[in-house]
Amino acid sequence: MTLEATGLHAKQGPGRGPIALALGDPAGIGAEVTLKALAALEARGVTPDVRLVGCRRWLERTYMDLRSRGGAPLVDPGSYPILDRPLGEWIAPGQGTAVSGAASFGWLNAAVDLVLSGQARALTTAPIAKHAWHAAGHRYPGQTERLAELCGQTQASMLFTARSPGGTWRLNTLLATTHIPLARVPQALSPALVERQLEVLLGFCRRFHPHPSLVVAGLNPHAGEAGQLGVEEQDWLIPLLESWRRRHPTVALRGPQPPDTCWLEAAAAWRGEGRGADGYLALYHDQGLIPVKLLAFDAAVNTTLGLPFLRTSPDHGTGFDIAGAGLARSDSMVAALETAWELG
């Protein structure tokens, strides 16, 4: 496979700067999926331009432990540059604690510093555990919100993207709201927020198509069914979308669509049967993530928009239940690295 086909370049060849990769919670599978993903890319003839951020001693020990178990190939972590931020104590796999939370929080901060200082061009992050961050005193809903703070932004947007198996279509789903309780969603949603997120989604989809098609999911069952199952659609969402259409006549905007059928055409497109919309706007976390993970669990990439740089992350968690066992799949980390290089 050529370098162009993978979207990455050789470590010593010309490029636009490396990708900074924060290794996530040291009690999770971040190191494992990273070492496997880099090995998978090298097997295609590519040495990715990546700078790792974490504890060198911990990473090397993890490599030796996983290598003794056999399984998928791993790269020797010594073959990649690492910004060493040592752990104060050894952390057992599968046991996220305040110590592991403090480590992953610090590694994320250091990786962002690399990008903001111009030493890297994009950021990829392995998974963290929110409860471990909280135990360490860092009360953030997730990495997205911390990234926005570090970059001086009031808000960043969370978009999940995945290239279909046939490579002819890309599933793009943006979340209007992110890590908040379901009971708070109706209060958090507003015409201003939805309009802002539509503009963000439009900007992203124009990377691939000058006149994209967008779909907005409704909030209530059957998109409110003319006010019988909820009033938000009638009260403000439908008028907002009608106004947005008039201001964007070259964009095909549909919605609000009933949430239970909104992604059916996306499922068909994922199978290679026709083409789905260029972008979908989900109004809350699980509304968008359930179809994305059902269709593209191993291929989807969490992409943060609205920062001075592109951030990508695998579309899975820390995998504490399988950490250290050598069972984690690296497909999503491969996709995260490829997406960071292609779009960053």
C-alpha atoms as a PDB file:
ATOM      1  CA  MET A   1       0.000   0.000   0.000  1.00  0.00           C
ATOM      2  CA  THR A   2       1.284   3.451  -0.850  1.00  0.00           C
ATOM      3  CA  LEU A   3       1.744   6.253   1.635  1.00  0.00           C
ATOM      4  CA  GLU A   4      -0.873   8.278  -0.179  1.00  0.00           C
ATOM      5  CA  ALA A   5      -3.432   5.513   0.275  1.00  0.00           C
ATOM      6  CA  THR A   6      -3.018   5.524   4.035  1.00  0.00           C
ATOM      7  CA  GLY A   7      -2.943   9.292   4.441  1.00  0.00           C
ATOM      8  CA  LEU A   8       0.268   9.083   6.522  1.00  0.00           C
ATOM      9  CA  HIS A   9       3.879   9.686   5.584  1.00  0.00           C
ATOM     10  CA  ALA A  10       7.198   8.137   6.466  1.00  0.00           C
ATOM     11  CA  LYS A  11       8.725   9.376   9.714  1.00  0.00           C
ATOM     12  CA  GLN A  12      11.854  10.709   7.989  1.00  0.00           C
ATOM     13  CA  GLY A  13      10.096  11.992   4.866  1.00  0.00           C
ATOM     14  CA  PRO A  14       8.591  15.421   4.150  1.00  0.00           C
ATOM     15  CA  GLY A  15       5.454  16.343   6.046  1.00  0.00           C
ATOM     16  CA  ARG A  16       3.590  19.019   7.924  1.00  0.00           C
ATOM     17  CA  GLY A  17       4.633  18.009  11.421  1.00  0.00           C
ATOM     18  CA  PRO A  18       3.899  15.013  13.634  1.00  0.00           C
ATOM     19  CA  ILE A  19       0.734  13.937  15.374  1.00  0.00           C
ATOM     20  CA  ALA A  20       0.891  14.205  19.171  1.00  0.00           C
ATOM     21  CA  LEU A  21      -0.613  11.102  20.778  1.00  0.00           C
ATOM     22  CA  ALA A  22      -1.640  11.257  24.444  1.00  0.00           C
ATOM     23  CA  LEU A  23      -1.684   7.688  25.779  1.00  0.00           C
ATOM     24  CA  GLY A  24      -4.820   7.940  27.940  1.00  0.00           C
ATOM     25  CA  ASP A  25      -5.511   6.245  31.261  1.00  0.00           C
ATOM     26  CA  PRO A  26      -2.546   3.985  32.100  1.00  0.00           C
ATOM     27  CA  ALA A  27      -4.907   1.440  33.670  1.00  0.00           C
ATOM     28  CA  GLY A  28      -6.781   1.054  30.375  1.00  0.00           C
ATOM     29  CA  ILE A  29      -6.090  -0.201  26.858  1.00  0.00           C
ATOM     30  CA  GLY A  30      -4.624   3.027  25.468  1.00  0.00           C
ATOM     31  CA  ALA A  31      -1.057   1.739  25.284  1.00  0.00           C
ATOM     32  CA  GLU A  32      -2.166  -1.576  23.821  1.00  0.00           C
ATOM     33  CA  VAL A  33      -4.268  -0.116  20.998  1.00  0.00           C
ATOM     34  CA  THR A  34      -1.534   2.417  20.248  1.00  0.00           C
ATOM     35  CA  LEU A  35       1.229  -0.189  19.953  1.00  0.00           C
ATOM     36  CA  LYS A  36      -1.021  -2.426  17.847  1.00  0.00           C
ATOM     37  CA  ALA A  37      -2.197   0.453  15.621  1.00  0.00           C
ATOM     38  CA  LEU A  38       1.348   1.587  14.888  1.00  0.00           C
ATOM     39  CA  ALA A  39       2.311  -2.002  14.083  1.00  0.00           C
ATOM     40  CA  ALA A  40      -0.686  -2.334  11.747  1.00  0.00           C
ATOM     41  CA  LEU A  41       0.294   0.832   9.898  1.00  0.00           C
ATOM     42  CA  GLU A  42       3.922  -0.280   9.625  1.00  0.00           C
ATOM     43  CA  ALA A  43       2.698  -3.576   8.175  1.00  0.00           C
ATOM     44  CA  ARG A  44       1.212  -1.502   5.348  1.00  0.00           C
ATOM     45  CA  GLY A  45       4.624  -0.006   4.670  1.00  0.00           C
ATOM     46  CA  VAL A  46       4.145   3.188   6.667  1.00  0.00           C
ATOM     47  CA  THR A  47       6.033   4.510   9.672  1.00  0.00           C
ATOM     48  CA  PRO A  48       3.621   7.122  11.058  1.00  0.00           C
ATOM     49  CA  ASP A  49       4.951  10.502  12.120  1.00  0.00           C
ATOM     50  CA  VAL A  50       3.779  10.308  15.731  1.00  0.00           C
ATOM     51  CA  ARG A  51       5.131  11.678  19.011  1.00  0.00           C
ATOM     52  CA  LEU A  52       3.896   9.755  22.029  1.00  0.00           C
ATOM     53  CA  VAL A  53       3.087  11.489  25.324  1.00  0.00           C
ATOM     54  CA  GLY A  54       3.160   9.377  28.485  1.00  0.00           C
ATOM     55  CA  CYS A  55       5.471   7.456  30.789  1.00  0.00           C
ATOM     56  CA  ARG A  56       8.310   5.753  28.909  1.00  0.00           C
ATOM     57  CA  ARG A  57       8.984   3.126  31.616  1.00  0.00           C
ATOM     58  CA  TRP A  58       5.294   2.196  31.899  1.00  0.00           C
ATOM     59  CA  LEU A  59       4.929   1.964  28.125  1.00  0.00           C
ATOM     60  CA  GLU A  60       7.969  -0.283  27.794  1.00  0.00           C
ATOM     61  CA  ARG A  61       6.752  -2.552  30.598  1.00  0.00           C
ATOM     62  CA  THR A  62       3.301  -2.732  29.007  1.00  0.00           C
ATOM     63  CA  TYR A  63       4.932  -3.694  25.724  1.00  0.00           C
ATOM     64  CA  MET A  64       6.887  -6.519  27.353  1.00  0.00           C
ATOM     65  CA  ASP A  65       3.828  -7.821  29.224  1.00  0.00           C
ATOM     66  CA  LEU A  66       1.685  -7.833  26.081  1.00  0.00           C
ATOM     67  CA  ARG A  67       4.441  -9.362  23.974  1.00  0.00           C
ATOM     68  CA  SER A  68       4.722 -12.271  26.400  1.00  0.00           C
ATOM     69  CA  ARG A  69       1.022 -13.017  25.794  1.00  0.00           C
ATOM     70  CA  GLY A  70       1.379 -13.226  22.026  1.00  0.00           C
ATOM     71  CA  GLY A  71      -1.421 -12.111  19.745  1.00  0.00           C
ATOM     72  CA  ALA A  72      -1.420  -9.165  17.338  1.00  0.00           C
ATOM     73  CA  PRO A  73       1.930  -7.584  16.443  1.00  0.00           C
ATOM     74  CA  LEU A  74       3.176  -4.645  18.512  1.00  0.00           C
ATOM     75  CA  VAL A  75       5.733  -1.975  17.702  1.00  0.00           C
ATOM     76  CA  ASP A  76       8.702  -1.506  19.983  1.00  0.00           C
ATOM     77  CA  PRO A  77       7.878   1.791  21.739  1.00  0.00           C
ATOM     78  CA  GLY A  78      11.555   2.672  21.652  1.00  0.00           C
ATOM     79  CA  SER A  79      11.276   3.251  17.907  1.00  0.00           C
ATOM     80  CA  TYR A  80       9.055   6.299  18.416  1.00  0.00           C
ATOM     81  CA  PRO A  81       9.876   9.596  20.136  1.00  0.00           C
ATOM     82  CA  ILE A  82       8.133  10.025  23.471  1.00  0.00           C
ATOM     83  CA  LEU A  83       7.608  13.053  25.657  1.00  0.00           C
ATOM     84  CA  ASP A  84       8.322  11.326  28.957  1.00  0.00           C
ATOM     85  CA  ARG A  85       5.994  12.199  31.840  1.00  0.00           C
ATOM     86  CA  PRO A  86       6.816   9.483  34.415  1.00  0.00           C
ATOM     87  CA  LEU A  87       4.273   7.819  36.677  1.00  0.00           C
ATOM     88  CA  GLY A  88       4.928   8.107  40.390  1.00  0.00           C
ATOM     89  CA  GLU A  89       3.884   4.482  40.961  1.00  0.00           C
ATOM     90  CA  TRP A  90       3.005   1.367  38.990  1.00  0.00           C
ATOM     91  CA  ILE A  91      -0.666   1.156  38.055  1.00  0.00           C
ATOM     92  CA  ALA A  92      -2.380  -2.211  37.762  1.00  0.00           C
ATOM     93  CA  PRO A  93      -4.320  -2.803  34.523  1.00  0.00           C
ATOM     94  CA  GLY A  94      -8.075  -2.439  34.872  1.00  0.00           C
ATOM     95  CA  GLN A  95      -8.058  -0.347  38.050  1.00  0.00           C
ATOM     96  CA  GLY A  96      -8.667   3.292  37.235  1.00  0.00           C
ATOM     97  CA  THR A  97      -7.787   5.436  40.253  1.00  0.00           C
ATOM     98  CA  ALA A  98      -6.949   9.010  41.184  1.00  0.00           C
ATOM     99  CA  VAL A  99      -3.334   8.221  40.276  1.00  0.00           C
ATOM    100  CA  SER A 100      -4.220   7.005  36.787  1.00  0.00           C
ATOM    101  CA  GLY A 101      -6.614   9.927  36.351  1.00  0.00           C
ATOM    102  CA  ALA A 102      -3.931  12.447  37.307  1.00  0.00           C
ATOM    103  CA  ALA A 103      -1.545  10.809  34.843  1.00  0.00           C
ATOM    104  CA  SER A 104      -3.921  10.858  31.870  1.00  0.00           C
ATOM    105  CA  PHE A 105      -4.915  14.448  32.681  1.00  0.00           C
ATOM    106  CA  GLY A 106      -1.278  15.540  32.726  1.00  0.00           C
ATOM    107  CA  TRP A 107      -0.455  13.647  29.539  1.00  0.00           C
ATOM    108  CA  LEU A 108      -3.335  15.346  27.718  1.00  0.00           C
ATOM    109  CA  ASN A 109      -2.140  18.776  28.856  1.00  0.00           C
ATOM    110  CA  ALA A 110       1.416  18.039  27.702  1.00  0.00           C
ATOM    111  CA  ALA A 111       0.219  16.797  24.306  1.00  0.00           C
ATOM    112  CA  VAL A 112      -1.855  19.947  23.790  1.00  0.00           C
ATOM    113  CA  ASP A 113       1.228  22.031  24.622  1.00  0.00           C
ATOM    114  CA  LEU A 114       3.081  20.264  21.801  1.00  0.00           C
ATOM    115  CA  VAL A 115       0.397  21.196  19.294  1.00  0.00           C
ATOM    116  CA  LEU A 116      -0.132  24.761  20.473  1.00  0.00           C
ATOM    117  CA  SER A 117       3.624  25.396  20.427  1.00  0.00           C
ATOM    118  CA  GLY A 118       3.872  24.196  16.830  1.00  0.00           C
ATOM    119  CA  GLN A 119       5.781  20.992  17.602  1.00  0.00           C
ATOM    120  CA  ALA A 120       2.844  18.877  16.345  1.00  0.00           C
ATOM    121  CA  ARG A 121       0.090  19.557  13.854  1.00  0.00           C
ATOM    122  CA  ALA A 122      -2.800  17.501  15.241  1.00  0.00           C
ATOM    123  CA  LEU A 123      -3.747  15.592  18.369  1.00  0.00           C
ATOM    124  CA  THR A 124      -4.883  12.000  18.852  1.00  0.00           C
ATOM    125  CA  THR A 125      -5.952  10.866  22.312  1.00  0.00           C
ATOM    126  CA  ALA A 126      -6.330   7.396  23.774  1.00  0.00           C
ATOM    127  CA  PRO A 127      -9.340   6.914  26.102  1.00  0.00           C
ATOM    128  CA  ILE A 128      -9.496   8.336  29.616  1.00  0.00           C
ATOM    129  CA  ALA A 129     -11.806   7.460  32.529  1.00  0.00           C
ATOM    130  CA  LYS A 130     -13.944  10.368  33.677  1.00  0.00           C
ATOM    131  CA  HIS A 131     -14.343   8.912  37.166  1.00  0.00           C
ATOM    132  CA  ALA A 132     -10.549   8.706  37.509  1.00  0.00           C
ATOM    133  CA  TRP A 133     -10.233  12.347  36.472  1.00  0.00           C
ATOM    134  CA  HIS A 134     -12.857  13.255  39.051  1.00  0.00           C
ATOM    135  CA  ALA A 135     -11.054  11.231  41.724  1.00  0.00           C
ATOM    136  CA  ALA A 136      -7.918  13.221  40.922  1.00  0.00           C
ATOM    137  CA  GLY A 137      -9.816  16.478  41.372  1.00  0.00           C
ATOM    138  CA  HIS A 138     -10.310  17.312  37.687  1.00  0.00           C
ATOM    139  CA  ARG A 139     -14.061  17.852  37.325  1.00  0.00           C
ATOM    140  CA  TYR A 140     -14.562  17.800  33.564  1.00  0.00           C
ATOM    141  CA  PRO A 141     -17.278  15.903  31.673  1.00  0.00           C
ATOM    142  CA  GLY A 142     -14.598  14.600  29.313  1.00  0.00           C
ATOM    143  CA  GLN A 143     -11.534  15.412  27.235  1.00  0.00           C
ATOM    144  CA  THR A 144     -13.506  17.598  24.813  1.00  0.00           C
ATOM    145  CA  GLU A 145     -14.361  20.130  27.493  1.00  0.00           C
ATOM    146  CA  ARG A 146     -10.799  20.242  28.832  1.00  0.00           C
ATOM    147  CA  LEU A 147      -9.470  20.765  25.312  1.00  0.00           C
ATOM    148  CA  ALA A 148     -11.808  23.715  24.797  1.00  0.00           C
ATOM    149  CA  GLU A 149     -10.568  25.255  28.048  1.00  0.00           C
ATOM    150  CA  LEU A 150      -6.899  24.772  27.160  1.00  0.00           C
ATOM    151  CA  CYS A 151      -7.475  26.478  23.819  1.00  0.00           C
ATOM    152  CA  GLY A 152      -9.442  29.382  25.247  1.00  0.00           C
ATOM    153  CA  GLN A 153     -12.683  28.303  23.608  1.00  0.00           C
ATOM    154  CA  THR A 154     -16.071  28.491  25.298  1.00  0.00           C
ATOM    155  CA  GLN A 155     -17.270  25.380  23.487  1.00  0.00           C
ATOM    156  CA  ALA A 156     -15.955  22.644  21.229  1.00  0.00           C
ATOM    157  CA  SER A 157     -18.038  20.303  19.112  1.00  0.00           C
ATOM    158  CA  MET A 158     -17.955  16.509  19.099  1.00  0.00           C
ATOM    159  CA  LEU A 159     -18.306  14.829  15.715  1.00  0.00           C
ATOM    160  CA  PHE A 160     -17.983  11.126  14.922  1.00  0.00           C
ATOM    161  CA  THR A 161     -16.738  10.213  11.465  1.00  0.00           C
ATOM    162  CA  ALA A 162     -16.108   6.887   9.740  1.00  0.00           C
ATOM    163  CA  ARG A 163     -15.314   5.902   6.180  1.00  0.00           C
ATOM    164  CA  SER A 164     -17.623   3.170   4.879  1.00  0.00           C
ATOM    165  CA  PRO A 165     -16.091  -0.265   4.200  1.00  0.00           C
ATOM    166  CA  GLY A 166     -16.258   0.365   0.461  1.00  0.00           C
ATOM    167  CA  GLY A 167     -14.549   3.708   0.890  1.00  0.00           C
ATOM    168  CA  THR A 168     -17.128   5.606  -1.187  1.00  0.00           C
ATOM    169  CA  TRP A 169     -19.034   7.373   1.605  1.00  0.00           C
ATOM    170  CA  ARG A 170     -18.278   8.869   5.017  1.00  0.00           C
ATOM    171  CA  LEU A 171     -20.662   8.728   7.985  1.00  0.00           C
ATOM    172  CA  ASN A 172     -20.512  12.060   9.855  1.00  0.00           C
ATOM    173  CA  THR A 173     -22.598  12.586  13.005  1.00  0.00           C
ATOM    174  CA  LEU A 174     -22.273  15.690  15.166  1.00  0.00           C
ATOM    175  CA  LEU A 175     -23.731  15.937  18.679  1.00  0.00           C
ATOM    176  CA  ALA A 176     -25.595  19.121  19.583  1.00  0.00           C
ATOM    177  CA  THR A 177     -25.111  18.335  23.285  1.00  0.00           C
ATOM    178  CA  THR A 178     -22.480  16.005  24.711  1.00  0.00           C
ATOM    179  CA  HIS A 179     -21.806  14.652  28.202  1.00  0.00           C
ATOM    180  CA  ILE A 180     -24.826  15.853  30.160  1.00  0.00           C
ATOM    181  CA  PRO A 181     -27.649  13.915  31.853  1.00  0.00           C
ATOM    182  CA  LEU A 182     -30.635  13.183  29.644  1.00  0.00           C
ATOM    183  CA  ALA A 183     -32.905  15.206  31.954  1.00  0.00           C
ATOM    184  CA  ARG A 184     -30.876  18.341  31.158  1.00  0.00           C
ATOM    185  CA  VAL A 185     -30.997  18.016  27.381  1.00  0.00           C
ATOM    186  CA  PRO A 186     -34.248  19.967  26.730  1.00  0.00           C
ATOM    187  CA  GLN A 187     -32.977  22.872  28.817  1.00  0.00           C
ATOM    188  CA  ALA A 188     -29.535  22.820  27.194  1.00  0.00           C
ATOM    189  CA  LEU A 189     -30.916  22.862  23.659  1.00  0.00           C
ATOM    190  CA  SER A 190     -31.750  26.244  22.169  1.00  0.00           C
ATOM    191  CA  PRO A 191     -32.160  27.764  18.710  1.00  0.00           C
ATOM    192  CA  ALA A 192     -28.761  29.451  19.059  1.00  0.00           C
ATOM    193  CA  LEU A 193     -27.009  26.189  19.978  1.00  0.00           C
ATOM    194  CA  VAL A 194     -28.598  24.155  17.183  1.00  0.00           C
ATOM    195  CA  GLU A 195     -27.840  26.865  14.637  1.00  0.00           C
ATOM    196  CA  ARG A 196     -24.221  27.010  15.772  1.00  0.00           C
ATOM    197  CA  GLN A 197     -23.840  23.244  15.532  1.00  0.00           C
ATOM    198  CA  LEU A 198     -25.426  23.201  12.086  1.00  0.00           C
ATOM    199  CA  GLU A 199     -22.800  25.698  10.931  1.00  0.00           C
ATOM    200  CA  VAL A 200     -20.025  23.544  12.422  1.00  0.00           C
ATOM    201  CA  LEU A 201     -21.400  20.433  10.707  1.00  0.00           C
ATOM    202  CA  LEU A 202     -21.736  22.295   7.415  1.00  0.00           C
ATOM    203  CA  GLY A 203     -18.131  23.501   7.612  1.00  0.00           C
ATOM    204  CA  PHE A 204     -16.850  19.985   8.234  1.00  0.00           C
ATOM    205  CA  CYS A 205     -18.923  18.392   5.463  1.00  0.00           C
ATOM    206  CA  ARG A 206     -17.762  21.002   2.957  1.00  0.00           C
ATOM    207  CA  ARG A 207     -14.314  19.419   3.226  1.00  0.00           C
ATOM    208  CA  PHE A 208     -15.776  16.633   1.077  1.00  0.00           C
ATOM    209  CA  HIS A 209     -18.661  18.220  -0.864  1.00  0.00           C
ATOM    210  CA  PRO A 210     -19.265  21.902  -1.732  1.00  0.00           C
ATOM    211  CA  HIS A 211     -23.035  21.539  -1.395  1.00  0.00           C
ATOM    212  CA  PRO A 212     -23.614  18.861   1.238  1.00  0.00           C
ATOM    213  CA  SER A 213     -26.850  17.310   2.378  1.00  0.00           C
ATOM    214  CA  LEU A 214     -27.609  17.475   6.108  1.00  0.00           C
ATOM    215  CA  VAL A 215     -30.176  15.760   8.331  1.00  0.00           C
ATOM    216  CA  VAL A 216     -31.348  16.920  11.765  1.00  0.00           C
ATOM    217  CA  ALA A 217     -32.912  14.458  14.184  1.00  0.00           C
ATOM    218  CA  GLY A 218     -35.943  15.432  16.228  1.00  0.00           C
ATOM    219  CA  LEU A 219     -35.824  15.532  19.996  1.00  0.00           C
ATOM    220  CA  ASN A 220     -39.026  13.644  20.755  1.00  0.00           C
ATOM    221  CA  PRO A 221     -40.435  10.322  19.510  1.00  0.00           C
ATOM    222  CA  HIS A 222     -41.753  10.731  15.956  1.00  0.00           C
ATOM    223  CA  ALA A 223     -40.171  14.228  16.022  1.00  0.00           C
ATOM    224  CA  GLY A 224     -42.983  15.343  18.312  1.00  0.00           C
ATOM    225  CA  GLU A 225     -45.819  14.161  16.037  1.00  0.00           C
ATOM    226  CA  ALA A 226     -47.187  17.679  15.502  1.00  0.00           C
ATOM    227  CA  GLY A 227     -46.940  18.497  19.180  1.00  0.00           C
ATOM    228  CA  GLN A 228     -48.674  15.370  20.475  1.00  0.00           C
ATOM    229  CA  LEU A 229     -45.452  13.795  21.798  1.00  0.00           C
ATOM    230  CA  GLY A 230     -43.512  16.940  22.674  1.00  0.00           C
ATOM    231  CA  VAL A 231     -43.588  20.598  21.739  1.00  0.00           C
ATOM    232  CA  GLU A 232     -39.940  21.503  21.109  1.00  0.00           C
ATOM    233  CA  GLU A 233     -40.125  20.725  17.393  1.00  0.00           C
ATOM    234  CA  GLN A 234     -43.245  22.847  16.861  1.00  0.00           C
ATOM    235  CA  ASP A 235     -42.222  25.652  19.186  1.00  0.00           C
ATOM    236  CA  TRP A 236     -38.744  26.398  17.853  1.00  0.00           C
ATOM    237  CA  LEU A 237     -36.899  23.628  16.002  1.00  0.00           C
ATOM    238  CA  ILE A 238     -39.014  23.581  12.827  1.00  0.00           C
ATOM    239  CA  PRO A 239     -39.053  27.407  12.514  1.00  0.00           C
ATOM    240  CA  LEU A 240     -35.281  27.487  13.071  1.00  0.00           C
ATOM    241  CA  LEU A 241     -34.606  24.923  10.350  1.00  0.00           C
ATOM    242  CA  GLU A 242     -36.921  26.717   7.914  1.00  0.00           C
ATOM    243  CA  SER A 243     -35.034  29.959   8.521  1.00  0.00           C
ATOM    244  CA  TRP A 244     -31.667  28.196   8.147  1.00  0.00           C
ATOM    245  CA  ARG A 245     -32.736  26.674   4.812  1.00  0.00           C
ATOM    246  CA  ARG A 246     -33.590  30.101   3.421  1.00  0.00           C
ATOM    247  CA  ARG A 247     -30.134  31.379   4.347  1.00  0.00           C
ATOM    248  CA  HIS A 248     -28.374  28.315   2.872  1.00  0.00           C
ATOM    249  CA  PRO A 249     -30.167  27.603  -0.411  1.00  0.00           C
ATOM    250  CA  THR A 250     -27.369  25.374  -1.768  1.00  0.00           C
ATOM    251  CA  VAL A 251     -27.562  22.976   1.193  1.00  0.00           C
ATOM    252  CA  ALA A 252     -30.125  20.161   1.197  1.00  0.00           C
ATOM    253  CA  LEU A 253     -31.363  20.196   4.811  1.00  0.00           C
ATOM    254  CA  ARG A 254     -33.926  17.681   6.057  1.00  0.00           C
ATOM    255  CA  GLY A 255     -35.512  17.567   9.467  1.00  0.00           C
ATOM    256  CA  PRO A 256     -36.457  17.303  12.113  1.00  0.00           C
ATOM    257  CA  GLN A 257     -36.539  13.609  11.229  1.00  0.00           C
ATOM    258  CA  PRO A 258     -38.032  10.970  13.542  1.00  0.00           C
ATOM    259  CA  PRO A 259     -35.008   9.782  15.536  1.00  0.00           C
ATOM    260  CA  ASP A 260     -35.872   6.084  15.178  1.00  0.00           C
ATOM    261  CA  THR A 261     -35.612   6.214  11.371  1.00  0.00           C
ATOM    262  CA  CYS A 262     -33.151   9.083  10.911  1.00  0.00           C
ATOM    263  CA  TRP A 263     -30.110   6.866  10.284  1.00  0.00           C
ATOM    264  CA  LEU A 264     -31.774   4.130   8.180  1.00  0.00           C
ATOM    265  CA  GLU A 265     -30.365   5.510   4.915  1.00  0.00           C
ATOM    266  CA  ALA A 266     -26.973   5.769   6.604  1.00  0.00           C
ATOM    267  CA  ALA A 267     -27.136   2.063   7.424  1.00  0.00           C
ATOM    268  CA  ALA A 268     -27.899   1.279   3.788  1.00  0.00           C
ATOM    269  CA  ALA A 269     -25.049   3.501   2.604  1.00  0.00           C
ATOM    270  CA  TRP A 270     -22.688   1.798   5.054  1.00  0.00           C
ATOM    271  CA  ARG A 271     -23.564  -1.508   3.364  1.00  0.00           C
ATOM    272  CA  GLY A 272     -22.848   0.034  -0.035  1.00  0.00           C
ATOM    273  CA  GLU A 273     -26.514   0.426  -0.967  1.00  0.00           C
ATOM    274  CA  GLY A 274     -26.849   3.997  -2.187  1.00  0.00           C
ATOM    275  CA  ARG A 275     -25.559   7.093  -0.440  1.00  0.00           C
ATOM    276  CA  GLY A 276     -26.574   8.636   2.856  1.00  0.00           C
ATOM    277  CA  ALA A 277     -26.533  12.278   3.830  1.00  0.00           C
ATOM    278  CA  ASP A 278     -23.191  14.024   4.167  1.00  0.00           C
ATOM    279  CA  GLY A 279     -23.880  14.939   7.784  1.00  0.00           C
ATOM    280  CA  TYR A 280     -26.287  14.134  10.628  1.00  0.00           C
ATOM    281  CA  LEU A 281     -27.010  16.332  13.644  1.00  0.00           C
ATOM    282  CA  ALA A 282     -28.059  14.417  16.765  1.00  0.00           C
ATOM    283  CA  LEU A 283     -29.557  16.457  19.595  1.00  0.00           C
ATOM    284  CA  TYR A 284     -28.088  14.412  22.448  1.00  0.00           C
ATOM    285  CA  HIS A 285     -25.309  11.929  23.119  1.00  0.00           C
ATOM    286  CA  ASP A 286     -26.915   8.502  22.845  1.00  0.00           C
ATOM    287  CA  GLN A 287     -29.237   9.542  20.024  1.00  0.00           C
ATOM    288  CA  GLY A 288     -26.189   9.945  17.814  1.00  0.00           C
ATOM    289  CA  LEU A 289     -23.818   7.408  19.308  1.00  0.00           C
ATOM    290  CA  ILE A 290     -26.123   4.387  19.188  1.00  0.00           C
ATOM    291  CA  PRO A 291     -26.385   4.368  15.360  1.00  0.00           C
ATOM    292  CA  VAL A 292     -22.715   5.297  14.949  1.00  0.00           C
ATOM    293  CA  LYS A 293     -21.516   2.467  17.170  1.00  0.00           C
ATOM    294  CA  LEU A 294     -23.933  -0.059  15.698  1.00  0.00           C
ATOM    295  CA  LEU A 295     -22.673   0.698  12.194  1.00  0.00           C
ATOM    296  CA  ALA A 296     -19.037   1.595  12.725  1.00  0.00           C
ATOM    297  CA  PHE A 297     -17.822   0.645  16.184  1.00  0.00           C
ATOM    298  CA  ASP A 298     -14.334  -0.346  15.023  1.00  0.00           C
ATOM    299  CA  ALA A 299     -14.045   2.364  12.373  1.00  0.00           C
ATOM    300  CA  ALA A 300     -15.574   5.500  13.895  1.00  0.00           C
ATOM    301  CA  VAL A 301     -13.384   8.329  15.126  1.00  0.00           C
ATOM    302  CA  ASN A 302     -14.284  10.923  17.756  1.00  0.00           C
ATOM    303  CA  THR A 303     -13.290  14.240  16.181  1.00  0.00           C
ATOM    304  CA  THR A 304     -13.236  17.525  18.101  1.00  0.00           C
ATOM    305  CA  LEU A 305     -14.047  20.631  16.062  1.00  0.00           C
ATOM    306  CA  GLY A 306     -13.822  24.284  17.041  1.00  0.00           C
ATOM    307  CA  LEU A 307     -10.214  24.119  18.306  1.00  0.00           C
ATOM    308  CA  PRO A 308      -7.122  25.662  16.675  1.00  0.00           C
ATOM    309  CA  PHE A 309      -6.176  22.104  15.662  1.00  0.00           C
ATOM    310  CA  LEU A 310      -7.892  18.820  14.881  1.00  0.00           C
ATOM    311  CA  ARG A 311      -8.239  16.244  17.644  1.00  0.00           C
ATOM    312  CA  THR A 312      -9.215  12.629  17.023  1.00  0.00           C
ATOM    313  CA  SER A 313      -9.804   9.706  19.370  1.00  0.00           C
ATOM    314  CA  PRO A 314     -10.931   6.087  19.075  1.00  0.00           C
ATOM    315  CA  ASP A 315     -14.659   5.582  19.430  1.00  0.00           C
ATOM    316  CA  HIS A 316     -14.400   3.373  22.530  1.00  0.00           C
ATOM    317  CA  GLY A 317     -13.574   3.640  26.196  1.00  0.00           C
ATOM    318  CA  THR A 318     -10.744   2.545  28.451  1.00  0.00           C
ATOM    319  CA  GLY A 319     -11.633  -1.161  28.291  1.00  0.00           C
ATOM    320  CA  PHE A 320     -10.777  -1.732  31.953  1.00  0.00           C
ATOM    321  CA  ASP A 321     -12.412  -5.170  31.781  1.00  0.00           C
ATOM    322  CA  ILE A 322      -9.865  -6.399  29.211  1.00  0.00           C
ATOM    323  CA  ALA A 323      -6.873  -4.188  30.054  1.00  0.00           C
ATOM    324  CA  GLY A 324      -3.607  -6.094  30.143  1.00  0.00           C
ATOM    325  CA  ALA A 325      -5.092  -9.209  28.532  1.00  0.00           C
ATOM    326  CA  GLY A 326      -3.966  -8.480  24.985  1.00  0.00           C
ATOM    327  CA  LEU A 327      -7.542  -8.655  23.657  1.00  0.00           C
ATOM    328  CA  ALA A 328      -8.116  -5.029  22.590  1.00  0.00           C
ATOM    329  CA  ARG A 329      -8.664  -4.314  18.894  1.00  0.00           C
ATOM    330  CA  SER A 330      -6.790  -1.411  17.347  1.00  0.00           C
ATOM    331  CA  ASP A 331      -9.030  -0.675  14.333  1.00  0.00           C
ATOM    332  CA  SER A 332     -10.454   2.518  15.795  1.00  0.00           C
ATOM    333  CA  MET A 333      -7.022   3.840  16.811  1.00  0.00           C
ATOM    334  CA  VAL A 334      -5.761   3.171  13.287  1.00  0.00           C
ATOM    335  CA  ALA A 335      -8.724   5.150  11.965  1.00  0.00           C
ATOM    336  CA  ALA A 336      -8.066   7.941  14.483  1.00  0.00           C
ATOM    337  CA  LEU A 337      -4.455   8.310  13.338  1.00  0.00           C
ATOM    338  CA  GLU A 338      -5.417   8.198   9.661  1.00  0.00           C
ATOM    339  CA  THR A 339      -8.151  10.798  10.191  1.00  0.00           C
ATOM    340  CA  ALA A 340      -5.829  13.111  12.124  1.00  0.00           C
ATOM    341  CA  TRP A 341      -3.344  13.016   9.283  1.00  0.00           C
ATOM    342  CA  GLU A 342      -5.898  13.284   6.458  1.00  0.00           C
ATOM    343  CA  LEU A 343      -7.956  16.126   7.914  1.00  0.00           C
ATOM    344  CA  GLY A 344      -5.640  17.889  10.378  1.00  0.00           C
END
